[in-house]
Amino acid sequence: ESGGGLVQPGGSLRLSCAASGTILSPNTMG
């Protein structure tokens, strides 16, 4: 995961999560 941090109320943030390894489909990411 990446993208966390400190933000003021009313602000925005974008989190990212990269998966690696044996990626089976179909799958759910959340």
mmCIF file of all heavy atoms, coordinates in Angstrom:
data_MODEL
# 
_entry.id   MODEL 
# 
loop_
_atom_site.group_PDB 
_atom_site.id 
_atom_site.type_symbol 
_atom_site.label_atom_id 
_atom_site.label_alt_id 
_atom_site.label_comp_id 
_atom_site.label_asym_id 
_atom_site.label_entity_id 
_atom_site.label_seq_id 
_atom_site.pdbx_PDB_ins_code 
_atom_site.Cartn_x 
_atom_site.Cartn_y 
_atom_site.Cartn_z 
_atom_site.occupancy 
_atom_site.B_iso_or_equiv 
_atom_site.pdbx_formal_charge 
_atom_site.auth_seq_id 
_atom_site.auth_comp_id 
_atom_site.auth_asym_id 
_atom_site.auth_atom_id 
_atom_site.pdbx_PDB_model_num 
ATOM 1   N N   . GLU A 1 1  ? 0.841   -1.205  0.000   1.00 0.00 ? 1  GLU A N   1 
ATOM 2   C CA  . GLU A 1 1  ? 0.000   0.000   0.000   1.00 0.00 ? 1  GLU A CA  1 
ATOM 3   C C   . GLU A 1 1  ? 0.874   1.253   0.000   1.00 0.00 ? 1  GLU A C   1 
ATOM 4   O O   . GLU A 1 1  ? 2.002   1.238   0.489   1.00 0.00 ? 1  GLU A O   1 
ATOM 5   C CB  . GLU A 1 1  ? -0.896  0.029   1.237   1.00 0.00 ? 1  GLU A CB  1 
ATOM 6   C CG  . GLU A 1 1  ? -1.819  -1.154  1.383   1.00 0.00 ? 1  GLU A CG  1 
ATOM 7   C CD  . GLU A 1 1  ? -1.613  -1.925  2.671   1.00 0.00 ? 1  GLU A CD  1 
ATOM 8   O OE1 . GLU A 1 1  ? -0.463  -1.949  3.157   1.00 0.00 ? 1  GLU A OE1 1 
ATOM 9   O OE2 . GLU A 1 1  ? -2.584  -2.504  3.180   1.00 0.00 ? 1  GLU A OE2 1 
ATOM 10  N N   . SER A 1 2  ? 0.318   2.325   -0.517  1.00 0.00 ? 2  SER A N   1 
ATOM 11  C CA  . SER A 1 2  ? 0.988   3.618   -0.465  1.00 0.00 ? 2  SER A CA  1 
ATOM 12  C C   . SER A 1 2  ? -0.071  4.709   -0.521  1.00 0.00 ? 2  SER A C   1 
ATOM 13  O O   . SER A 1 2  ? -1.216  4.463   -0.906  1.00 0.00 ? 2  SER A O   1 
ATOM 14  C CB  . SER A 1 2  ? 1.975   3.769   -1.620  1.00 0.00 ? 2  SER A CB  1 
ATOM 15  O OG  . SER A 1 2  ? 1.305   3.692   -2.864  1.00 0.00 ? 2  SER A OG  1 
ATOM 16  N N   . GLY A 1 3  ? 0.331   5.907   -0.116  1.00 0.00 ? 3  GLY A N   1 
ATOM 17  C CA  . GLY A 1 3  ? -0.543  7.064   -0.253  1.00 0.00 ? 3  GLY A CA  1 
ATOM 18  C C   . GLY A 1 3  ? -1.132  7.603   1.028   1.00 0.00 ? 3  GLY A C   1 
ATOM 19  O O   . GLY A 1 3  ? -1.817  8.624   1.007   1.00 0.00 ? 3  GLY A O   1 
ATOM 20  N N   . GLY A 1 4  ? -0.886  6.957   2.151   1.00 0.00 ? 4  GLY A N   1 
ATOM 21  C CA  . GLY A 1 4  ? -1.415  7.471   3.399   1.00 0.00 ? 4  GLY A CA  1 
ATOM 22  C C   . GLY A 1 4  ? -0.670  8.715   3.845   1.00 0.00 ? 4  GLY A C   1 
ATOM 23  O O   . GLY A 1 4  ? 0.340   9.100   3.264   1.00 0.00 ? 4  GLY A O   1 
ATOM 24  N N   . GLY A 1 5  ? -1.182  9.349   4.895   1.00 0.00 ? 5  GLY A N   1 
ATOM 25  C CA  . GLY A 1 5  ? -0.515  10.527  5.410   1.00 0.00 ? 5  GLY A CA  1 
ATOM 26  C C   . GLY A 1 5  ? -1.460  11.410  6.191   1.00 0.00 ? 5  GLY A C   1 
ATOM 27  O O   . GLY A 1 5  ? -2.572  11.000  6.540   1.00 0.00 ? 5  GLY A O   1 
ATOM 28  N N   . LEU A 1 6  ? -1.007  12.625  6.421   1.00 0.00 ? 6  LEU A N   1 
ATOM 29  C CA  . LEU A 1 6  ? -1.774  13.612  7.166   1.00 0.00 ? 6  LEU A CA  1 
ATOM 30  C C   . LEU A 1 6  ? -2.467  14.554  6.191   1.00 0.00 ? 6  LEU A C   1 
ATOM 31  O O   . LEU A 1 6  ? -1.831  15.091  5.275   1.00 0.00 ? 6  LEU A O   1 
ATOM 32  C CB  . LEU A 1 6  ? -0.847  14.407  8.090   1.00 0.00 ? 6  LEU A CB  1 
ATOM 33  C CG  . LEU A 1 6  ? -1.461  15.584  8.848   1.00 0.00 ? 6  LEU A CG  1 
ATOM 34  C CD1 . LEU A 1 6  ? -2.533  15.103  9.818   1.00 0.00 ? 6  LEU A CD1 1 
ATOM 35  C CD2 . LEU A 1 6  ? -0.373  16.366  9.564   1.00 0.00 ? 6  LEU A CD2 1 
ATOM 36  N N   . VAL A 1 7  ? -3.757  14.744  6.401   1.00 0.00 ? 7  VAL A N   1 
ATOM 37  C CA  . VAL A 1 7  ? -4.526  15.639  5.540   1.00 0.00 ? 7  VAL A CA  1 
ATOM 38  C C   . VAL A 1 7  ? -5.507  16.417  6.396   1.00 0.00 ? 7  VAL A C   1 
ATOM 39  O O   . VAL A 1 7  ? -5.982  15.912  7.424   1.00 0.00 ? 7  VAL A O   1 
ATOM 40  C CB  . VAL A 1 7  ? -5.248  14.842  4.432   1.00 0.00 ? 7  VAL A CB  1 
ATOM 41  C CG1 . VAL A 1 7  ? -6.247  13.858  5.023   1.00 0.00 ? 7  VAL A CG1 1 
ATOM 42  C CG2 . VAL A 1 7  ? -5.910  15.751  3.423   1.00 0.00 ? 7  VAL A CG2 1 
ATOM 43  N N   . GLN A 1 8  ? -5.797  17.625  5.990   1.00 0.00 ? 8  GLN A N   1 
ATOM 44  C CA  . GLN A 1 8  ? -6.742  18.453  6.733   1.00 0.00 ? 8  GLN A CA  1 
ATOM 45  C C   . GLN A 1 8  ? -8.184  18.051  6.423   1.00 0.00 ? 8  GLN A C   1 
ATOM 46  O O   . GLN A 1 8  ? -8.465  17.533  5.339   1.00 0.00 ? 8  GLN A O   1 
ATOM 47  C CB  . GLN A 1 8  ? -6.533  19.918  6.391   1.00 0.00 ? 8  GLN A CB  1 
ATOM 48  C CG  . GLN A 1 8  ? -5.215  20.485  6.878   1.00 0.00 ? 8  GLN A CG  1 
ATOM 49  C CD  . GLN A 1 8  ? -5.109  21.974  6.638   1.00 0.00 ? 8  GLN A CD  1 
ATOM 50  O OE1 . GLN A 1 8  ? -5.838  22.545  5.849   1.00 0.00 ? 8  GLN A OE1 1 
ATOM 51  N NE2 . GLN A 1 8  ? -4.190  22.613  7.349   1.00 0.00 ? 8  GLN A NE2 1 
ATOM 52  N N   . PRO A 1 9  ? -9.071  18.303  7.342   1.00 0.00 ? 9  PRO A N   1 
ATOM 53  C CA  . PRO A 1 9  ? -10.499 18.035  7.062   1.00 0.00 ? 9  PRO A CA  1 
ATOM 54  C C   . PRO A 1 9  ? -10.940 18.752  5.791   1.00 0.00 ? 9  PRO A C   1 
ATOM 55  O O   . PRO A 1 9  ? -10.583 19.912  5.569   1.00 0.00 ? 9  PRO A O   1 
ATOM 56  C CB  . PRO A 1 9  ? -11.201 18.602  8.297   1.00 0.00 ? 9  PRO A CB  1 
ATOM 57  C CG  . PRO A 1 9  ? -10.187 18.484  9.382   1.00 0.00 ? 9  PRO A CG  1 
ATOM 58  C CD  . PRO A 1 9  ? -8.870  18.768  8.730   1.00 0.00 ? 9  PRO A CD  1 
ATOM 59  N N   . GLY A 1 10 ? -11.689 18.034  4.985   1.00 0.00 ? 10 GLY A N   1 
ATOM 60  C CA  . GLY A 1 10 ? -12.124 18.574  3.704   1.00 0.00 ? 10 GLY A CA  1 
ATOM 61  C C   . GLY A 1 10 ? -11.166 18.276  2.573   1.00 0.00 ? 10 GLY A C   1 
ATOM 62  O O   . GLY A 1 10 ? -11.488 18.513  1.401   1.00 0.00 ? 10 GLY A O   1 
ATOM 63  N N   . GLY A 1 11 ? -10.004 17.752  2.905   1.00 0.00 ? 11 GLY A N   1 
ATOM 64  C CA  . GLY A 1 11 ? -9.003  17.460  1.892   1.00 0.00 ? 11 GLY A CA  1 
ATOM 65  C C   . GLY A 1 11 ? -9.220  16.126  1.210   1.00 0.00 ? 11 GLY A C   1 
ATOM 66  O O   . GLY A 1 11 ? -10.215 15.426  1.458   1.00 0.00 ? 11 GLY A O   1 
ATOM 67  N N   . SER A 1 12 ? -8.266  15.787  0.331   1.00 0.00 ? 12 SER A N   1 
ATOM 68  C CA  . SER A 1 12 ? -8.353  14.557  -0.451  1.00 0.00 ? 12 SER A CA  1 
ATOM 69  C C   . SER A 1 12 ? -7.082  13.746  -0.315  1.00 0.00 ? 12 SER A C   1 
ATOM 70  O O   . SER A 1 12 ? -6.011  14.288  -0.002  1.00 0.00 ? 12 SER A O   1 
ATOM 71  C CB  . SER A 1 12 ? -8.583  14.889  -1.930  1.00 0.00 ? 12 SER A CB  1 
ATOM 72  O OG  . SER A 1 12 ? -9.798  15.576  -2.120  1.00 0.00 ? 12 SER A OG  1 
ATOM 73  N N   . LEU A 1 13 ? -7.239  12.456  -0.590  1.00 0.00 ? 13 LEU A N   1 
ATOM 74  C CA  . LEU A 1 13 ? -6.110  11.547  -0.515  1.00 0.00 ? 13 LEU A CA  1 
ATOM 75  C C   . LEU A 1 13 ? -6.379  10.408  -1.484  1.00 0.00 ? 13 LEU A C   1 
ATOM 76  O O   . LEU A 1 13 ? -7.542  10.018  -1.698  1.00 0.00 ? 13 LEU A O   1 
ATOM 77  C CB  . LEU A 1 13 ? -5.970  11.011  0.904   1.00 0.00 ? 13 LEU A CB  1 
ATOM 78  C CG  . LEU A 1 13 ? -4.587  10.641  1.423   1.00 0.00 ? 13 LEU A CG  1 
ATOM 79  C CD1 . LEU A 1 13 ? -3.651  11.837  1.385   1.00 0.00 ? 13 LEU A CD1 1 
ATOM 80  C CD2 . LEU A 1 13 ? -4.687  10.088  2.836   1.00 0.00 ? 13 LEU A CD2 1 
ATOM 81  N N   . ARG A 1 14 ? -5.318  9.878   -2.059  1.00 0.00 ? 14 ARG A N   1 
ATOM 82  C CA  . ARG A 1 14 ? -5.455  8.727   -2.952  1.00 0.00 ? 14 ARG A CA  1 
ATOM 83  C C   . ARG A 1 14 ? -4.560  7.614   -2.458  1.00 0.00 ? 14 ARG A C   1 
ATOM 84  O O   . ARG A 1 14 ? -3.334  7.787   -2.364  1.00 0.00 ? 14 ARG A O   1 
ATOM 85  C CB  . ARG A 1 14 ? -5.091  9.093   -4.389  1.00 0.00 ? 14 ARG A CB  1 
ATOM 86  C CG  . ARG A 1 14 ? -5.416  8.005   -5.393  1.00 0.00 ? 14 ARG A CG  1 
ATOM 87  C CD  . ARG A 1 14 ? -4.751  8.267   -6.720  1.00 0.00 ? 14 ARG A CD  1 
ATOM 88  N NE  . ARG A 1 14 ? -5.306  7.474   -7.811  1.00 0.00 ? 14 ARG A NE  1 
ATOM 89  C CZ  . ARG A 1 14 ? -4.619  7.135   -8.887  1.00 0.00 ? 14 ARG A CZ  1 
ATOM 90  N NH1 . ARG A 1 14 ? -3.357  7.520   -9.029  1.00 0.00 ? 14 ARG A NH1 1 
ATOM 91  N NH2 . ARG A 1 14 ? -5.196  6.411   -9.842  1.00 0.00 ? 14 ARG A NH2 1 
ATOM 92  N N   . LEU A 1 15 ? -5.160  6.485   -2.149  1.00 0.00 ? 15 LEU A N   1 
ATOM 93  C CA  . LEU A 1 15 ? -4.410  5.305   -1.729  1.00 0.00 ? 15 LEU A CA  1 
ATOM 94  C C   . LEU A 1 15 ? -4.231  4.373   -2.917  1.00 0.00 ? 15 LEU A C   1 
ATOM 95  O O   . LEU A 1 15 ? -5.118  4.246   -3.758  1.00 0.00 ? 15 LEU A O   1 
ATOM 96  C CB  . LEU A 1 15 ? -5.149  4.577   -0.605  1.00 0.00 ? 15 LEU A CB  1 
ATOM 97  C CG  . LEU A 1 15 ? -5.487  5.388   0.645   1.00 0.00 ? 15 LEU A CG  1 
ATOM 98  C CD1 . LEU A 1 15 ? -6.196  4.491   1.660   1.00 0.00 ? 15 LEU A CD1 1 
ATOM 99  C CD2 . LEU A 1 15 ? -4.250  6.006   1.242   1.00 0.00 ? 15 LEU A CD2 1 
ATOM 100 N N   . SER A 1 16 ? -3.085  3.708   -2.936  1.00 0.00 ? 16 SER A N   1 
ATOM 101 C CA  . SER A 1 16 ? -2.804  2.719   -3.980  1.00 0.00 ? 16 SER A CA  1 
ATOM 102 C C   . SER A 1 16 ? -2.374  1.426   -3.324  1.00 0.00 ? 16 SER A C   1 
ATOM 103 O O   . SER A 1 16 ? -1.764  1.427   -2.252  1.00 0.00 ? 16 SER A O   1 
ATOM 104 C CB  . SER A 1 16 ? -1.687  3.202   -4.903  1.00 0.00 ? 16 SER A CB  1 
ATOM 105 O OG  . SER A 1 16 ? -2.018  4.410   -5.541  1.00 0.00 ? 16 SER A OG  1 
ATOM 106 N N   . CYS A 1 17 ? -2.673  0.335   -3.979  1.00 0.00 ? 17 CYS A N   1 
ATOM 107 C CA  . CYS A 1 17 ? -2.249  -0.978  -3.495  1.00 0.00 ? 17 CYS A CA  1 
ATOM 108 C C   . CYS A 1 17 ? -1.913  -1.842  -4.698  1.00 0.00 ? 17 CYS A C   1 
ATOM 109 O O   . CYS A 1 17 ? -2.772  -2.093  -5.548  1.00 0.00 ? 17 CYS A O   1 
ATOM 110 C CB  . CYS A 1 17 ? -3.357  -1.624  -2.674  1.00 0.00 ? 17 CYS A CB  1 
ATOM 111 S SG  . CYS A 1 17 ? -3.023  -3.344  -2.227  1.00 0.00 ? 17 CYS A SG  1 
ATOM 112 N N   . ALA A 1 18 ? -0.665  -2.281  -4.745  1.00 0.00 ? 18 ALA A N   1 
ATOM 113 C CA  . ALA A 1 18 ? -0.202  -3.129  -5.838  1.00 0.00 ? 18 ALA A CA  1 
ATOM 114 C C   . ALA A 1 18 ? -0.082  -4.563  -5.361  1.00 0.00 ? 18 ALA A C   1 
ATOM 115 O O   . ALA A 1 18 ? 0.542   -4.826  -4.322  1.00 0.00 ? 18 ALA A O   1 
ATOM 116 C CB  . ALA A 1 18 ? 1.134   -2.625  -6.356  1.00 0.00 ? 18 ALA A CB  1 
ATOM 117 N N   . ALA A 1 19 ? -0.666  -5.462  -6.110  1.00 0.00 ? 19 ALA A N   1 
ATOM 118 C CA  . ALA A 1 19 ? -0.608  -6.880  -5.786  1.00 0.00 ? 19 ALA A CA  1 
ATOM 119 C C   . ALA A 1 19 ? 0.418   -7.575  -6.671  1.00 0.00 ? 19 ALA A C   1 
ATOM 120 O O   . ALA A 1 19 ? 0.534   -7.268  -7.858  1.00 0.00 ? 19 ALA A O   1 
ATOM 121 C CB  . ALA A 1 19 ? -1.975  -7.529  -5.972  1.00 0.00 ? 19 ALA A CB  1 
ATOM 122 N N   . SER A 1 20 ? 1.135   -8.510  -6.083  1.00 0.00 ? 20 SER A N   1 
ATOM 123 C CA  . SER A 1 20 ? 2.098   -9.302  -6.843  1.00 0.00 ? 20 SER A CA  1 
ATOM 124 C C   . SER A 1 20 ? 2.055   -10.736 -6.344  1.00 0.00 ? 20 SER A C   1 
ATOM 125 O O   . SER A 1 20 ? 1.525   -11.017 -5.268  1.00 0.00 ? 20 SER A O   1 
ATOM 126 C CB  . SER A 1 20 ? 3.508   -8.730  -6.702  1.00 0.00 ? 20 SER A CB  1 
ATOM 127 O OG  . SER A 1 20 ? 3.918   -8.758  -5.347  1.00 0.00 ? 20 SER A OG  1 
ATOM 128 N N   . GLY A 1 21 ? 2.599   -11.621 -7.150  1.00 0.00 ? 21 GLY A N   1 
ATOM 129 C CA  . GLY A 1 21 ? 2.579   -13.031 -6.789  1.00 0.00 ? 21 GLY A CA  1 
ATOM 130 C C   . GLY A 1 21 ? 1.631   -13.802 -7.687  1.00 0.00 ? 21 GLY A C   1 
ATOM 131 O O   . GLY A 1 21 ? 1.512   -13.499 -8.871  1.00 0.00 ? 21 GLY A O   1 
ATOM 132 N N   . THR A 1 22 ? 0.947   -14.765 -7.122  1.00 0.00 ? 22 THR A N   1 
ATOM 133 C CA  . THR A 1 22 ? 0.025   -15.601 -7.895  1.00 0.00 ? 22 THR A CA  1 
ATOM 134 C C   . THR A 1 22 ? -1.354  -14.939 -7.879  1.00 0.00 ? 22 THR A C   1 
ATOM 135 O O   . THR A 1 22 ? -2.112  -15.086 -6.935  1.00 0.00 ? 22 THR A O   1 
ATOM 136 C CB  . THR A 1 22 ? -0.058  -17.015 -7.298  1.00 0.00 ? 22 THR A CB  1 
ATOM 137 O OG1 . THR A 1 22 ? 1.255   -17.575 -7.233  1.00 0.00 ? 22 THR A OG1 1 
ATOM 138 C CG2 . THR A 1 22 ? -0.955  -17.895 -8.166  1.00 0.00 ? 22 THR A CG2 1 
ATOM 139 N N   . ILE A 1 23 ? -1.632  -14.219 -8.936  1.00 0.00 ? 23 ILE A N   1 
ATOM 140 C CA  . ILE A 1 23 ? -2.875  -13.453 -9.012  1.00 0.00 ? 23 ILE A CA  1 
ATOM 141 C C   . ILE A 1 23 ? -3.926  -14.283 -9.727  1.00 0.00 ? 23 ILE A C   1 
ATOM 142 O O   . ILE A 1 23 ? -3.895  -14.431 -10.940 1.00 0.00 ? 23 ILE A O   1 
ATOM 143 C CB  . ILE A 1 23 ? -2.664  -12.116 -9.741  1.00 0.00 ? 23 ILE A CB  1 
ATOM 144 C CG1 . ILE A 1 23 ? -1.495  -11.346 -9.116  1.00 0.00 ? 23 ILE A CG1 1 
ATOM 145 C CG2 . ILE A 1 23 ? -3.952  -11.303 -9.725  1.00 0.00 ? 23 ILE A CG2 1 
ATOM 146 C CD1 . ILE A 1 23 ? -1.684  -10.972 -7.674  1.00 0.00 ? 23 ILE A CD1 1 
ATOM 147 N N   . LEU A 1 24 ? -4.867  -14.810 -8.965  1.00 0.00 ? 24 LEU A N   1 
ATOM 148 C CA  . LEU A 1 24 ? -5.939  -15.605 -9.547  1.00 0.00 ? 24 LEU A CA  1 
ATOM 149 C C   . LEU A 1 24 ? -7.110  -14.703 -9.924  1.00 0.00 ? 24 LEU A C   1 
ATOM 150 O O   . LEU A 1 24 ? -7.341  -13.666 -9.307  1.00 0.00 ? 24 LEU A O   1 
ATOM 151 C CB  . LEU A 1 24 ? -6.400  -16.670 -8.556  1.00 0.00 ? 24 LEU A CB  1 
ATOM 152 C CG  . LEU A 1 24 ? -5.342  -17.673 -8.077  1.00 0.00 ? 24 LEU A CG  1 
ATOM 153 C CD1 . LEU A 1 24 ? -5.936  -18.618 -7.037  1.00 0.00 ? 24 LEU A CD1 1 
ATOM 154 C CD2 . LEU A 1 24 ? -4.790  -18.467 -9.257  1.00 0.00 ? 24 LEU A CD2 1 
ATOM 155 N N   . SER A 1 25 ? -7.824  -15.136 -10.930 1.00 0.00 ? 25 SER A N   1 
ATOM 156 C CA  . SER A 1 25 ? -9.024  -14.403 -11.343 1.00 0.00 ? 25 SER A CA  1 
ATOM 157 C C   . SER A 1 25 ? -10.197 -15.363 -11.446 1.00 0.00 ? 25 SER A C   1 
ATOM 158 O O   . SER A 1 25 ? -9.991  -16.556 -11.702 1.00 0.00 ? 25 SER A O   1 
ATOM 159 C CB  . SER A 1 25 ? -8.784  -13.731 -12.699 1.00 0.00 ? 25 SER A CB  1 
ATOM 160 O OG  . SER A 1 25 ? -7.835  -12.703 -12.576 1.00 0.00 ? 25 SER A OG  1 
ATOM 161 N N   . PRO A 1 26 ? -11.413 -14.904 -11.227 1.00 0.00 ? 26 PRO A N   1 
ATOM 162 C CA  . PRO A 1 26 ? -11.716 -13.526 -10.837 1.00 0.00 ? 26 PRO A CA  1 
ATOM 163 C C   . PRO A 1 26 ? -11.336 -13.271 -9.376  1.00 0.00 ? 26 PRO A C   1 
ATOM 164 O O   . PRO A 1 26 ? -11.149 -14.203 -8.603  1.00 0.00 ? 26 PRO A O   1 
ATOM 165 C CB  . PRO A 1 26 ? -13.235 -13.447 -11.022 1.00 0.00 ? 26 PRO A CB  1 
ATOM 166 C CG  . PRO A 1 26 ? -13.691 -14.852 -10.790 1.00 0.00 ? 26 PRO A CG  1 
ATOM 167 C CD  . PRO A 1 26 ? -12.622 -15.731 -11.355 1.00 0.00 ? 26 PRO A CD  1 
ATOM 168 N N   . ASN A 1 27 ? -11.208 -12.007 -9.041  1.00 0.00 ? 27 ASN A N   1 
ATOM 169 C CA  . ASN A 1 27 ? -10.837 -11.666 -7.679  1.00 0.00 ? 27 ASN A CA  1 
ATOM 170 C C   . ASN A 1 27 ? -11.505 -10.364 -7.255  1.00 0.00 ? 27 ASN A C   1 
ATOM 171 O O   . ASN A 1 27 ? -12.079 -9.658  -8.078  1.00 0.00 ? 27 ASN A O   1 
ATOM 172 C CB  . ASN A 1 27 ? -9.307  -11.542 -7.554  1.00 0.00 ? 27 ASN A CB  1 
ATOM 173 C CG  . ASN A 1 27 ? -8.723  -10.518 -8.508  1.00 0.00 ? 27 ASN A CG  1 
ATOM 174 O OD1 . ASN A 1 27 ? -9.012  -9.329  -8.406  1.00 0.00 ? 27 ASN A OD1 1 
ATOM 175 N ND2 . ASN A 1 27 ? -7.881  -10.976 -9.424  1.00 0.00 ? 27 ASN A ND2 1 
ATOM 176 N N   . THR A 1 28 ? -11.421 -10.095 -5.995  1.00 0.00 ? 28 THR A N   1 
ATOM 177 C CA  . THR A 1 28 ? -11.946 -8.862  -5.430  1.00 0.00 ? 28 THR A CA  1 
ATOM 178 C C   . THR A 1 28 ? -10.805 -8.155  -4.719  1.00 0.00 ? 28 THR A C   1 
ATOM 179 O O   . THR A 1 28 ? -10.076 -8.775  -3.948  1.00 0.00 ? 28 THR A O   1 
ATOM 180 C CB  . THR A 1 28 ? -13.072 -9.148  -4.425  1.00 0.00 ? 28 THR A CB  1 
ATOM 181 O OG1 . THR A 1 28 ? -14.110 -9.898  -5.068  1.00 0.00 ? 28 THR A OG1 1 
ATOM 182 C CG2 . THR A 1 28 ? -13.654 -7.851  -3.884  1.00 0.00 ? 28 THR A CG2 1 
ATOM 183 N N   . MET A 1 29 ? -10.658 -6.884  -4.992  1.00 0.00 ? 29 MET A N   1 
ATOM 184 C CA  . MET A 1 29 ? -9.665  -6.075  -4.289  1.00 0.00 ? 29 MET A CA  1 
ATOM 185 C C   . MET A 1 29 ? -10.401 -4.966  -3.562  1.00 0.00 ? 29 MET A C   1 
ATOM 186 O O   . MET A 1 29 ? -11.379 -4.405  -4.083  1.00 0.00 ? 29 MET A O   1 
ATOM 187 C CB  . MET A 1 29 ? -8.643  -5.492  -5.257  1.00 0.00 ? 29 MET A CB  1 
ATOM 188 C CG  . MET A 1 29 ? -7.821  -6.560  -5.966  1.00 0.00 ? 29 MET A CG  1 
ATOM 189 S SD  . MET A 1 29 ? -6.475  -5.878  -6.964  1.00 0.00 ? 29 MET A SD  1 
ATOM 190 C CE  . MET A 1 29 ? -5.303  -5.408  -5.677  1.00 0.00 ? 29 MET A CE  1 
ATOM 191 N N   . GLY A 1 30 ? -9.943  -4.670  -2.372  1.00 0.00 ? 30 GLY A N   1 
ATOM 192 C CA  . GLY A 1 30 ? -10.668 -3.670  -1.611  1.00 0.00 ? 30 GLY A CA  1 
ATOM 193 C C   . GLY A 1 30 ? -9.847  -3.035  -0.527  1.00 0.00 ? 30 GLY A C   1 
ATOM 194 O O   . GLY A 1 30 ? -8.650  -3.338  -0.352  1.00 0.00 ? 30 GLY A O   1 
# 
